[in-house]
């Protein structure tokens, strides 16, 4: 758990430093998106369509993976 928290903090600090540098260069998220040929609305639409695809597939996969994992977990020899 500590390792995950450390990784999240590192990503947050790197993002903050990058954001400050880009702000000093007078760049905004909207300008960068326009350079890539995207609009904020298009990004939101792509995220929504991605979520509509991902969520049902995760649920479907978990219907198989979770019971198999549970059976394997229950039949493992106890740790000493």
PDB file of N, CA and C in Angstrom:
ATOM      1  N   UNK A   1       0.829  -1.200   0.000  1.00  0.00           N
ATOM      2  CA  UNK A   1       0.000   0.000   0.000  1.00  0.00           C
ATOM      3  C   UNK A   1       0.867   1.255   0.000  1.00  0.00           C
ATOM      4  N   UNK A   2       1.948   1.194   0.760  1.00  0.00           N
ATOM      5  CA  UNK A   2       2.845   2.347   0.821  1.00  0.00           C
ATOM      6  C   UNK A   2       3.493   2.597  -0.537  1.00  0.00           C
ATOM      7  N   UNK A   3       3.811   1.511  -1.247  1.00  0.00           N
ATOM      8  CA  UNK A   3       4.426   1.644  -2.563  1.00  0.00           C
ATOM      9  C   UNK A   3       3.479   2.327  -3.546  1.00  0.00           C
ATOM     10  N   UNK A   4       2.197   1.957  -3.506  1.00  0.00           N
ATOM     11  CA  UNK A   4       1.203   2.582  -4.375  1.00  0.00           C
ATOM     12  C   UNK A   4       1.058   4.067  -4.041  1.00  0.00           C
ATOM     13  N   UNK A   5       0.994   4.387  -2.776  1.00  0.00           N
ATOM     14  CA  UNK A   5       0.867   5.786  -2.357  1.00  0.00           C
ATOM     15  C   UNK A   5       2.080   6.601  -2.794  1.00  0.00           C
ATOM     16  N   UNK A   6       3.262   6.017  -2.663  1.00  0.00           N
ATOM     17  CA  UNK A   6       4.488   6.699  -3.085  1.00  0.00           C
ATOM     18  C   UNK A   6       4.458   6.974  -4.588  1.00  0.00           C
ATOM     19  N   UNK A   7       4.004   5.998  -5.364  1.00  0.00           N
ATOM     20  CA  UNK A   7       3.921   6.170  -6.813  1.00  0.00           C
ATOM     21  C   UNK A   7       2.939   7.273  -7.178  1.00  0.00           C
ATOM     22  N   UNK A   8       1.787   7.312  -6.506  1.00  0.00           N
ATOM     23  CA  UNK A   8       0.789   8.348  -6.781  1.00  0.00           C
ATOM     24  C   UNK A   8       1.346   9.731  -6.459  1.00  0.00           C
ATOM     25  N   UNK A   9       2.068   9.848  -5.355  1.00  0.00           N
ATOM     26  CA  UNK A   9       2.662  11.144  -4.978  1.00  0.00           C
ATOM     27  C   UNK A   9       3.706  11.560  -6.011  1.00  0.00           C
ATOM     28  N   UNK A  10       4.520  10.614  -6.465  1.00  0.00           N
ATOM     29  CA  UNK A  10       5.539  10.940  -7.479  1.00  0.00           C
ATOM     30  C   UNK A  10       4.895  11.436  -8.771  1.00  0.00           C
ATOM     31  N   UNK A  11       3.830  10.769  -9.190  1.00  0.00           N
ATOM     32  CA  UNK A  11       3.127  11.195 -10.408  1.00  0.00           C
ATOM     33  C   UNK A  11       2.530  12.583 -10.219  1.00  0.00           C
ATOM     34  N   UNK A  12       1.951  12.844  -9.050  1.00  0.00           N
ATOM     35  CA  UNK A  12       1.358  14.156  -8.776  1.00  0.00           C
ATOM     36  C   UNK A  12       2.422  15.251  -8.794  1.00  0.00           C
ATOM     37  N   UNK A  13       3.578  14.997  -8.204  1.00  0.00           N
ATOM     38  CA  UNK A  13       4.653  15.995  -8.173  1.00  0.00           C
ATOM     39  C   UNK A  13       5.189  16.235  -9.583  1.00  0.00           C
ATOM     40  N   UNK A  14       5.393  15.165 -10.355  1.00  0.00           N
ATOM     41  CA  UNK A  14       5.877  15.327 -11.734  1.00  0.00           C
ATOM     42  C   UNK A  14       4.865  16.102 -12.568  1.00  0.00           C
ATOM     43  N   UNK A  15       3.580  15.839 -12.371  1.00  0.00           N
ATOM     44  CA  UNK A  15       2.536  16.561 -13.105  1.00  0.00           C
ATOM     45  C   UNK A  15       2.525  18.032 -12.711  1.00  0.00           C
ATOM     46  N   UNK A  16       2.697  18.306 -11.438  1.00  0.00           N
ATOM     47  CA  UNK A  16       2.730  19.695 -10.965  1.00  0.00           C
ATOM     48  C   UNK A  16       3.910  20.447 -11.574  1.00  0.00           C
ATOM     49  N   UNK A  17       5.076  19.843 -11.564  1.00  0.00           N
ATOM     50  CA  UNK A  17       6.270  20.491 -12.126  1.00  0.00           C
ATOM     51  C   UNK A  17       6.089  20.725 -13.623  1.00  0.00           C
ATOM     52  N   UNK A  18       5.578  19.731 -14.325  1.00  0.00           N
ATOM     53  CA  UNK A  18       5.331  19.877 -15.759  1.00  0.00           C
ATOM     54  C   UNK A  18       4.314  20.976 -16.033  1.00  0.00           C
ATOM     55  N   UNK A  19       3.256  21.026 -15.229  1.00  0.00           N
ATOM     56  CA  UNK A  19       2.245  22.068 -15.383  1.00  0.00           C
ATOM     57  C   UNK A  19       2.806  23.462 -15.177  1.00  0.00           C
ATOM     58  N   UNK A  20       3.672  23.611 -14.186  1.00  0.00           N
ATOM     59  CA  UNK A  20       4.289  24.919 -13.929  1.00  0.00           C
ATOM     60  C   UNK A  20       5.172  25.330 -15.105  1.00  0.00           C
ATOM     61  N   UNK A  21       5.950  24.388 -15.624  1.00  0.00           N
ATOM     62  CA  UNK A  21       6.825  24.695 -16.766  1.00  0.00           C
ATOM     63  C   UNK A  21       6.003  25.095 -17.983  1.00  0.00           C
ATOM     64  N   UNK A  22       4.933  24.342 -18.266  1.00  0.00           N
ATOM     65  CA  UNK A  22       4.085  24.681 -19.416  1.00  0.00           C
ATOM     66  C   UNK A  22       3.391  26.027 -19.215  1.00  0.00           C
ATOM     67  N   UNK A  23       2.995  26.345 -17.983  1.00  0.00           N
ATOM     68  CA  UNK A  23       2.364  27.636 -17.715  1.00  0.00           C
ATOM     69  C   UNK A  23       3.365  28.774 -17.933  1.00  0.00           C
ATOM     70  N   UNK A  24       4.618  28.558 -17.543  1.00  0.00           N
ATOM     71  CA  UNK A  24       5.643  29.578 -17.750  1.00  0.00           C
ATOM     72  C   UNK A  24       5.919  29.789 -19.237  1.00  0.00           C
ATOM     73  N   UNK A  25       5.678  28.757 -20.043  1.00  0.00           N
ATOM     74  CA  UNK A  25       5.853  28.867 -21.493  1.00  0.00           C
ATOM     75  C   UNK A  25       4.588  29.372 -22.181  1.00  0.00           C
ATOM     76  N   UNK A  26       3.602  29.807 -21.381  1.00  0.00           N
ATOM     77  CA  UNK A  26       2.326  30.324 -21.882  1.00  0.00           C
ATOM     78  C   UNK A  26       1.572  29.296 -22.739  1.00  0.00           C
ATOM     79  N   UNK A  27       1.590  28.046 -22.310  1.00  0.00           N
ATOM     80  CA  UNK A  27       0.851  26.987 -22.982  1.00  0.00           C
ATOM     81  C   UNK A  27      -0.295  26.540 -22.080  1.00  0.00           C
ATOM     82  N   UNK A  28      -1.424  26.247 -22.707  1.00  0.00           N
ATOM     83  CA  UNK A  28      -2.560  25.746 -21.935  1.00  0.00           C
ATOM     84  C   UNK A  28      -2.961  24.380 -22.471  1.00  0.00           C
ATOM     85  N   UNK A  29      -3.802  23.683 -21.720  1.00  0.00           N
ATOM     86  CA  UNK A  29      -4.279  22.375 -22.154  1.00  0.00           C
ATOM     87  C   UNK A  29      -5.062  22.499 -23.455  1.00  0.00           C
ATOM     88  N   UNK A  30      -5.849  23.553 -23.570  1.00  0.00           N
ATOM     89  CA  UNK A  30      -6.641  23.752 -24.789  1.00  0.00           C
ATOM     90  C   UNK A  30      -5.737  23.962 -25.999  1.00  0.00           C
ATOM     91  N   UNK A  31      -4.667  24.727 -25.837  1.00  0.00           N
ATOM     92  CA  UNK A  31      -3.737  24.952 -26.944  1.00  0.00           C
ATOM     93  C   UNK A  31      -3.056  23.652 -27.367  1.00  0.00           C
ATOM     94  N   UNK A  32      -2.663  22.836 -26.389  1.00  0.00           N
ATOM     95  CA  UNK A  32      -2.017  21.569 -26.714  1.00  0.00           C
ATOM     96  C   UNK A  32      -2.978  20.619 -27.416  1.00  0.00           C
ATOM     97  N   UNK A  33      -4.226  20.603 -26.981  1.00  0.00           N
ATOM     98  CA  UNK A  33      -5.226  19.758 -27.635  1.00  0.00           C
ATOM     99  C   UNK A  33      -5.469  20.213 -29.074  1.00  0.00           C
ATOM    100  N   UNK A  34      -5.540  21.530 -29.285  1.00  0.00           N
ATOM    101  CA  UNK A  34      -5.743  22.051 -30.636  1.00  0.00           C
ATOM    102  C   UNK A  34      -4.577  21.697 -31.552  1.00  0.00           C
ATOM    103  N   UNK A  35      -3.357  21.679 -30.999  1.00  0.00           N
ATOM    104  CA  UNK A  35      -2.190  21.278 -31.783  1.00  0.00           C
ATOM    105  C   UNK A  35      -2.303  19.825 -32.229  1.00  0.00           C
ATOM    106  N   UNK A  36      -2.959  19.011 -31.409  1.00  0.00           N
ATOM    107  CA  UNK A  36      -3.157  17.594 -31.734  1.00  0.00           C
ATOM    108  C   UNK A  36      -4.406  17.376 -32.588  1.00  0.00           C
ATOM    109  N   UNK A  37      -5.130  18.447 -32.862  1.00  0.00           N
ATOM    110  CA  UNK A  37      -6.335  18.349 -33.671  1.00  0.00           C
ATOM    111  C   UNK A  37      -7.543  17.884 -32.874  1.00  0.00           C
ATOM    112  N   UNK A  38      -7.540  18.117 -31.590  1.00  0.00           N
ATOM    113  CA  UNK A  38      -8.640  17.706 -30.716  1.00  0.00           C
ATOM    114  C   UNK A  38      -9.261  18.913 -30.047  1.00  0.00           C
ATOM    115  N   UNK A  39     -10.494  18.750 -29.632  1.00  0.00           N
ATOM    116  CA  UNK A  39     -11.156  19.767 -28.822  1.00  0.00           C
ATOM    117  C   UNK A  39     -11.479  19.136 -27.476  1.00  0.00           C
ATOM    118  N   UNK A  40     -11.661  19.934 -26.447  1.00  0.00           N
ATOM    119  CA  UNK A  40     -12.026  19.357 -25.145  1.00  0.00           C
ATOM    120  C   UNK A  40     -13.310  18.517 -25.220  1.00  0.00           C
ATOM    121  N   UNK A  41     -14.256  18.951 -26.042  1.00  0.00           N
ATOM    122  CA  UNK A  41     -15.502  18.199 -26.194  1.00  0.00           C
ATOM    123  C   UNK A  41     -15.241  16.832 -26.835  1.00  0.00           C
ATOM    124  N   UNK A  42     -14.345  16.794 -27.814  1.00  0.00           N
ATOM    125  CA  UNK A  42     -14.007  15.533 -28.489  1.00  0.00           C
ATOM    126  C   UNK A  42     -13.315  14.570 -27.518  1.00  0.00           C
ATOM    127  N   UNK A  43     -12.446  15.096 -26.668  1.00  0.00           N
ATOM    128  CA  UNK A  43     -11.762  14.259 -25.673  1.00  0.00           C
ATOM    129  C   UNK A  43     -12.779  13.654 -24.714  1.00  0.00           C
ATOM    130  N   UNK A  44     -13.732  14.460 -24.270  1.00  0.00           N
ATOM    131  CA  UNK A  44     -14.767  13.957 -23.360  1.00  0.00           C
ATOM    132  C   UNK A  44     -15.594  12.882 -24.054  1.00  0.00           C
ATOM    133  N   UNK A  45     -15.940  13.089 -25.316  1.00  0.00           N
ATOM    134  CA  UNK A  45     -16.694  12.096 -26.079  1.00  0.00           C
ATOM    135  C   UNK A  45     -15.906  10.793 -26.206  1.00  0.00           C
ATOM    136  N   UNK A  46     -14.611  10.894 -26.478  1.00  0.00           N
ATOM    137  CA  UNK A  46     -13.777   9.695 -26.596  1.00  0.00           C
ATOM    138  C   UNK A  46     -13.681   8.964 -25.261  1.00  0.00           C
ATOM    139  N   UNK A  47     -13.561   9.699 -24.162  1.00  0.00           N
ATOM    140  CA  UNK A  47     -13.511   9.067 -22.841  1.00  0.00           C
ATOM    141  C   UNK A  47     -14.826   8.367 -22.517  1.00  0.00           C
ATOM    142  N   UNK A  48     -15.938   9.004 -22.862  1.00  0.00           N
ATOM    143  CA  UNK A  48     -17.247   8.387 -22.612  1.00  0.00           C
ATOM    144  C   UNK A  48     -17.425   7.120 -23.429  1.00  0.00           C
ATOM    145  N   UNK A  49     -17.052   7.151 -24.696  1.00  0.00           N
ATOM    146  CA  UNK A  49     -17.206   5.945 -25.522  1.00  0.00           C
ATOM    147  C   UNK A  49     -16.258   4.850 -25.056  1.00  0.00           C
ATOM    148  N   UNK A  50     -15.088   5.220 -24.589  1.00  0.00           N
ATOM    149  CA  UNK A  50     -14.159   4.233 -24.029  1.00  0.00           C
ATOM    150  C   UNK A  50     -14.716   3.594 -22.774  1.00  0.00           C
ATOM    151  N   UNK A  51     -15.322   4.402 -21.916  1.00  0.00           N
ATOM    152  CA  UNK A  51     -15.918   3.865 -20.686  1.00  0.00           C
ATOM    153  C   UNK A  51     -17.095   2.950 -21.014  1.00  0.00           C
ATOM    154  N   UNK A  52     -17.867   3.311 -22.026  1.00  0.00           N
ATOM    155  CA  UNK A  52     -19.006   2.465 -22.433  1.00  0.00           C
ATOM    156  C   UNK A  52     -18.528   1.113 -22.954  1.00  0.00           C
ATOM    157  N   UNK A  53     -17.333   1.052 -23.501  1.00  0.00           N
ATOM    158  CA  UNK A  53     -16.783  -0.203 -23.976  1.00  0.00           C
ATOM    159  C   UNK A  53     -16.111  -0.984 -22.848  1.00  0.00           C
ATOM    160  N   UNK A  54     -15.372  -0.288 -21.987  1.00  0.00           N
ATOM    161  CA  UNK A  54     -14.570  -0.950 -20.955  1.00  0.00           C
ATOM    162  C   UNK A  54     -15.421  -1.547 -19.842  1.00  0.00           C
ATOM    163  N   UNK A  55     -16.371  -0.808 -19.323  1.00  0.00           N
ATOM    164  CA  UNK A  55     -17.122  -1.251 -18.141  1.00  0.00           C
ATOM    165  C   UNK A  55     -17.847  -2.576 -18.370  1.00  0.00           C
ATOM    166  N   UNK A  56     -18.610  -2.762 -19.454  1.00  0.00           N
ATOM    167  CA  UNK A  56     -19.255  -4.068 -19.646  1.00  0.00           C
ATOM    168  C   UNK A  56     -18.257  -5.220 -19.798  1.00  0.00           C
ATOM    169  N   UNK A  57     -17.127  -4.960 -20.447  1.00  0.00           N
ATOM    170  CA  UNK A  57     -16.132  -6.017 -20.621  1.00  0.00           C
ATOM    171  C   UNK A  57     -15.451  -6.385 -19.310  1.00  0.00           C
ATOM    172  N   UNK A  58     -15.223  -5.420 -18.445  1.00  0.00           N
ATOM    173  CA  UNK A  58     -14.656  -5.719 -17.123  1.00  0.00           C
ATOM    174  C   UNK A  58     -15.636  -6.556 -16.315  1.00  0.00           C
ATOM    175  N   UNK A  59     -16.899  -6.194 -16.348  1.00  0.00           N
ATOM    176  CA  UNK A  59     -17.912  -6.958 -15.608  1.00  0.00           C
ATOM    177  C   UNK A  59     -18.010  -8.379 -16.159  1.00  0.00           C
ATOM    178  N   UNK A  60     -18.028  -8.521 -17.473  1.00  0.00           N
ATOM    179  CA  UNK A  60     -18.107  -9.839 -18.090  1.00  0.00           C
ATOM    180  C   UNK A  60     -16.897 -10.695 -17.724  1.00  0.00           C
ATOM    181  N   UNK A  61     -15.735 -10.130 -17.791  1.00  0.00           N
ATOM    182  CA  UNK A  61     -14.519 -10.860 -17.436  1.00  0.00           C
ATOM    183  C   UNK A  61     -14.477 -11.244 -15.965  1.00  0.00           C
ATOM    184  N   UNK A  62     -14.961 -10.360 -15.119  1.00  0.00           N
ATOM    185  CA  UNK A  62     -14.940 -10.657 -13.684  1.00  0.00           C
ATOM    186  C   UNK A  62     -15.896 -11.786 -13.325  1.00  0.00           C
ATOM    187  N   UNK A  63     -16.912 -12.015 -14.143  1.00  0.00           N
ATOM    188  CA  UNK A  63     -17.828 -13.132 -13.898  1.00  0.00           C
ATOM    189  C   UNK A  63     -17.110 -14.478 -14.036  1.00  0.00           C
ATOM    190  N   UNK A  64     -16.008 -14.506 -14.773  1.00  0.00           N
ATOM    191  CA  UNK A  64     -15.219 -15.725 -14.912  1.00  0.00           C
ATOM    192  C   UNK A  64     -14.019 -15.707 -13.971  1.00  0.00           C
ATOM    193  N   UNK A  65     -13.306 -14.599 -13.930  1.00  0.00           N
ATOM    194  CA  UNK A  65     -12.044 -14.527 -13.202  1.00  0.00           C
ATOM    195  C   UNK A  65     -12.243 -14.633 -11.688  1.00  0.00           C
ATOM    196  N   UNK A  66     -13.209 -13.925 -11.136  1.00  0.00           N
ATOM    197  CA  UNK A  66     -13.390 -13.908  -9.684  1.00  0.00           C
ATOM    198  C   UNK A  66     -13.738 -15.290  -9.132  1.00  0.00           C
ATOM    199  N   UNK A  67     -14.682 -16.036  -9.694  1.00  0.00           N
ATOM    200  CA  UNK A  67     -14.939 -17.374  -9.148  1.00  0.00           C
ATOM    201  C   UNK A  67     -13.739 -18.319  -9.283  1.00  0.00           C
ATOM    202  N   UNK A  68     -13.009 -18.254 -10.393  1.00  0.00           N
ATOM    203  CA  UNK A  68     -11.828 -19.097 -10.557  1.00  0.00           C
ATOM    204  C   UNK A  68     -10.784 -18.737  -9.506  1.00  0.00           C
ATOM    205  N   UNK A  69     -10.549 -17.455  -9.302  1.00  0.00           N
ATOM    206  CA  UNK A  69      -9.592 -17.024  -8.278  1.00  0.00           C
ATOM    207  C   UNK A  69     -10.027 -17.488  -6.901  1.00  0.00           C
ATOM    208  N   UNK A  70     -11.324 -17.378  -6.597  1.00  0.00           N
ATOM    209  CA  UNK A  70     -11.833 -17.780  -5.292  1.00  0.00           C
ATOM    210  C   UNK A  70     -11.619 -19.274  -5.052  1.00  0.00           C
ATOM    211  N   UNK A  71     -11.892 -20.112  -6.044  1.00  0.00           N
ATOM    212  CA  UNK A  71     -11.683 -21.558  -5.900  1.00  0.00           C
ATOM    213  C   UNK A  71     -10.205 -21.866  -5.690  1.00  0.00           C
ATOM    214  N   UNK A  72      -9.345 -21.247  -6.465  1.00  0.00           N
ATOM    215  CA  UNK A  72      -7.903 -21.470  -6.305  1.00  0.00           C
ATOM    216  C   UNK A  72      -7.460 -21.012  -4.920  1.00  0.00           C
ATOM    217  N   UNK A  73      -7.925 -19.866  -4.471  1.00  0.00           N
ATOM    218  CA  UNK A  73      -7.570 -19.345  -3.155  1.00  0.00           C
ATOM    219  C   UNK A  73      -8.025 -20.283  -2.040  1.00  0.00           C
ATOM    220  N   UNK A  74      -9.221 -20.828  -2.158  1.00  0.00           N
ATOM    221  CA  UNK A  74      -9.753 -21.700  -1.108  1.00  0.00           C
ATOM    222  C   UNK A  74      -9.018 -23.029  -1.033  1.00  0.00           C
ATOM    223  N   UNK A  75      -8.518 -23.537  -2.152  1.00  0.00           N
ATOM    224  CA  UNK A  75      -7.879 -24.844  -2.164  1.00  0.00           C
ATOM    225  C   UNK A  75      -6.356 -24.784  -2.056  1.00  0.00           C
ATOM    226  N   UNK A  76      -5.807 -23.606  -1.862  1.00  0.00           N
ATOM    227  CA  UNK A  76      -4.360 -23.509  -1.651  1.00  0.00           C
ATOM    228  C   UNK A  76      -4.008 -24.038  -0.278  1.00  0.00           C
ATOM    229  N   UNK A  77      -2.822 -24.644  -0.135  1.00  0.00           N
ATOM    230  CA  UNK A  77      -2.412 -25.083   1.196  1.00  0.00           C
ATOM    231  C   UNK A  77      -2.167 -23.854   2.075  1.00  0.00           C
ATOM    232  N   UNK A  78      -2.434 -23.964   3.366  1.00  0.00           N
ATOM    233  CA  UNK A  78      -2.233 -22.814   4.264  1.00  0.00           C
ATOM    234  C   UNK A  78      -0.749 -22.442   4.359  1.00  0.00           C
ATOM    235  N   UNK A  79      -0.515 -21.167   4.521  1.00  0.00           N
ATOM    236  CA  UNK A  79       0.865 -20.668   4.687  1.00  0.00           C
ATOM    237  C   UNK A  79       1.256 -20.818   6.134  1.00  0.00           C
ATOM    238  N   UNK A  80       2.534 -21.024   6.338  1.00  0.00           N
ATOM    239  CA  UNK A  80       3.003 -21.164   7.728  1.00  0.00           C
ATOM    240  C   UNK A  80       3.583 -19.890   8.272  1.00  0.00           C
TER     241      UNK A  80
END
